[in-house]
Protein backbone atom coordinates (compact mmCIF):
# COMPACT_ATOMS: atom_id res chain seq x y z
CA MET A 1 -15.13 26.63 3.16
CA PRO A 2 -12.36 25.04 1.04
CA ARG A 3 -13.32 22.04 -1.00
CA VAL A 4 -11.53 18.83 -0.03
CA GLU A 5 -10.67 16.70 -3.02
CA ALA A 6 -11.28 12.98 -2.75
CA ARG A 7 -8.21 10.78 -2.65
CA ARG A 8 -7.40 9.03 -5.90
CA ALA A 9 -6.50 5.40 -5.41
CA VAL A 10 -3.04 4.43 -6.58
CA THR A 11 -3.23 1.63 -9.14
CA LEU A 12 -0.84 0.07 -11.61
CA ASP A 13 -2.59 2.05 -14.36
CA ASP A 14 -2.93 5.29 -12.38
CA HIS A 15 0.08 6.07 -10.19
CA GLU A 16 1.81 9.04 -11.85
CA HIS A 17 0.01 11.49 -9.55
CA VAL A 18 2.07 10.18 -6.60
CA THR A 19 5.39 12.03 -6.55
CA GLY A 20 8.09 12.92 -4.10
CA SER A 21 10.63 10.96 -2.16
CA PHE A 22 10.03 7.27 -1.52
CA PHE A 23 11.54 5.18 1.26
CA HIS A 24 12.21 1.52 2.03
CA GLY A 25 12.98 0.23 5.52
CA THR A 26 15.04 -2.93 5.90
CA SER A 27 17.91 -4.53 7.75
CA ALA A 28 19.86 -5.10 4.51
CA ASP A 29 23.11 -3.24 3.89
CA LEU A 30 22.64 -1.63 0.47
CA ALA A 31 24.39 0.99 -1.63
CA PRO A 32 23.21 3.58 -4.15
CA GLY A 33 22.49 1.85 -7.44
CA ASP A 34 21.46 -1.45 -5.85
CA VAL A 35 18.08 -2.75 -6.96
CA LEU A 36 15.55 -4.24 -4.58
CA GLU A 37 13.59 -6.90 -6.43
CA ALA A 38 10.48 -8.91 -5.72
CA GLY A 39 10.94 -12.58 -4.93
CA ARG A 40 12.71 -12.24 -1.58
CA ARG A 41 11.42 -13.69 1.66
CA SER A 42 9.54 -11.42 4.03
CA HIS A 43 10.53 -10.94 7.64
CA PHE A 44 6.81 -11.08 8.39
CA ARG A 45 6.24 -14.37 6.54
CA PRO A 46 9.65 -16.02 6.02
CA ASP A 47 7.98 -19.20 4.74
CA ARG A 48 7.43 -17.73 1.28
CA PRO A 49 8.94 -15.22 -1.11
CA LEU A 50 6.98 -12.06 -1.89
CA THR A 51 5.90 -11.19 -5.41
CA HIS A 52 6.11 -7.47 -4.62
CA VAL A 53 8.62 -5.07 -3.12
CA TYR A 54 7.15 -2.58 -0.64
CA PHE A 55 7.92 1.11 -0.05
CA ALA A 56 6.34 4.28 1.28
CA ALA A 57 6.19 8.01 0.69
CA ARG A 58 6.30 8.63 4.47
CA LEU A 59 9.58 8.28 6.31
CA GLU A 60 7.73 7.12 9.45
CA THR A 61 6.33 4.12 7.58
CA ALA A 62 9.78 3.10 6.36
CA VAL A 63 11.17 3.47 9.89
CA TRP A 64 8.65 0.85 11.03
CA GLY A 65 9.84 -1.38 8.19
CA ALA A 66 13.47 -1.00 9.26
CA GLU A 67 12.75 -1.65 12.91
CA LEU A 68 10.52 -4.66 12.29
CA ALA A 69 12.92 -6.16 9.72
CA THR A 70 15.69 -6.03 12.30
CA ALA A 71 13.54 -7.33 15.17
CA LEU A 72 11.99 -10.15 13.12
CA GLY A 73 14.88 -11.07 10.88
CA THR A 74 18.57 -10.59 10.58
CA GLY A 75 20.90 -7.66 10.54
CA ASP A 76 22.54 -5.63 13.22
CA ARG A 77 20.50 -2.48 12.64
CA GLY A 78 17.61 -1.11 10.66
CA ARG A 79 18.28 1.02 7.64
CA VAL A 80 16.07 3.40 5.69
CA TYR A 81 16.81 4.03 2.04
CA VAL A 82 15.56 6.59 -0.42
CA VAL A 83 14.35 4.57 -3.40
CA GLN A 84 13.06 5.11 -6.91
CA PRO A 85 10.34 2.80 -8.27
CA LEU A 86 11.45 1.18 -11.54
CA GLY A 87 7.94 0.77 -12.90
CA ALA A 88 4.27 0.82 -12.05
CA PHE A 89 3.13 0.63 -8.43
CA GLU A 90 -0.09 0.50 -6.45
CA ASP A 91 -1.51 1.03 -2.96
CA ASP A 92 -0.41 -1.69 -0.54
CA PRO A 93 -3.64 -3.63 0.10
CA ASN A 94 -2.27 -4.94 3.41
CA VAL A 95 -2.80 -1.53 4.97
CA THR A 96 -5.07 0.33 2.54
CA ASP A 97 -7.90 -2.20 2.49
CA LYS A 98 -7.53 -3.70 5.94
CA LYS A 99 -6.06 -1.45 8.62
CA PHE A 100 -5.92 2.09 7.30
CA PRO A 101 -8.57 2.89 4.67
CA GLY A 102 -7.39 5.68 2.40
CA ASN A 103 -3.71 4.75 2.80
CA PRO A 104 -2.61 7.36 5.38
CA THR A 105 0.69 5.45 5.73
CA GLU A 106 1.31 6.14 2.01
CA SER A 107 2.41 2.53 1.52
CA TYR A 108 2.86 1.11 -1.96
CA ARG A 109 4.09 -2.02 -3.72
CA SER A 110 5.54 -2.92 -7.08
CA THR A 111 6.65 -6.00 -8.99
CA ASP A 112 9.16 -3.92 -10.97
CA GLY A 113 11.67 -3.26 -8.21
CA LEU A 114 13.20 -0.21 -6.55
CA ARG A 115 16.57 1.45 -7.15
CA VAL A 116 18.40 2.67 -4.05
CA VAL A 117 19.38 6.33 -4.52
CA GLY A 118 20.57 7.10 -0.98
CA GLU A 119 20.32 6.32 2.71
CA VAL A 120 18.59 8.27 5.47
CA ASP A 121 21.05 8.35 8.36
CA ASP A 122 19.22 10.56 10.84
CA TRP A 123 15.91 8.79 11.41
CA GLU A 124 14.54 8.46 14.92
CA PRO A 125 13.69 4.98 16.21
CA HIS A 126 10.51 4.36 18.13
CA PRO A 127 10.79 4.10 21.92
CA PRO A 128 11.52 0.49 22.98
CA GLU A 129 8.11 0.08 24.63
CA VAL A 130 6.32 1.16 21.43
CA LEU A 131 8.33 -1.32 19.35
CA ARG A 132 7.66 -4.05 21.96
CA THR A 133 3.91 -3.38 21.71
CA MET A 134 4.04 -3.68 17.92
CA LEU A 135 6.00 -6.96 18.16
CA ASP A 136 3.53 -8.30 20.73
CA ASN A 137 0.63 -7.40 18.43
CA LEU A 138 2.31 -9.15 15.50
CA ALA A 139 2.89 -12.24 17.66
CA THR A 140 -0.80 -12.27 18.59
CA LEU A 141 -1.79 -12.07 14.92
CA ARG A 142 0.52 -14.99 14.13
CA ARG A 143 -0.85 -17.12 16.99
CA GLU A 144 -4.39 -16.44 15.78
CA GLY A 145 -3.54 -17.17 12.15
CA ARG A 146 -4.28 -13.59 11.16
CA ASP A 147 -0.76 -12.63 10.01
CA VAL A 148 -1.86 -12.69 6.39
CA VAL A 149 0.11 -10.83 3.74
CA ILE A 150 -1.91 -10.05 0.62
CA ASP A 151 0.76 -10.48 -2.00
């Protein structure tokens, strides 16, 4: 039987083992060379700026980001960008520690920013009823005071 290697956590001091394409979903209209920086307001918690910028190694995760950014914020459509981290990054504790132990969404965050290297034009949106369910769940979390962002 093949041996399954344990997942190595991604930390600011140990992140070089995570390689490949990275994606960021948003409603912002960006161009190659633009830099996404920490300190912007979140569509999830617009009452405060975030100290991190978030990204993923899975396209599906970034698609959720694009769809939710559009539904919760501004912009006429969601966009998914291929990005390059400009420094150290770590597992996103909002999903790794709380909802999805082991980080199956391959979600990360950094304080050093992300450089846009391209745009993914052919991503598939979720069916409207799936997006509506996600928005309803987020609204429930907000009503219950559980829409916490560990930043």
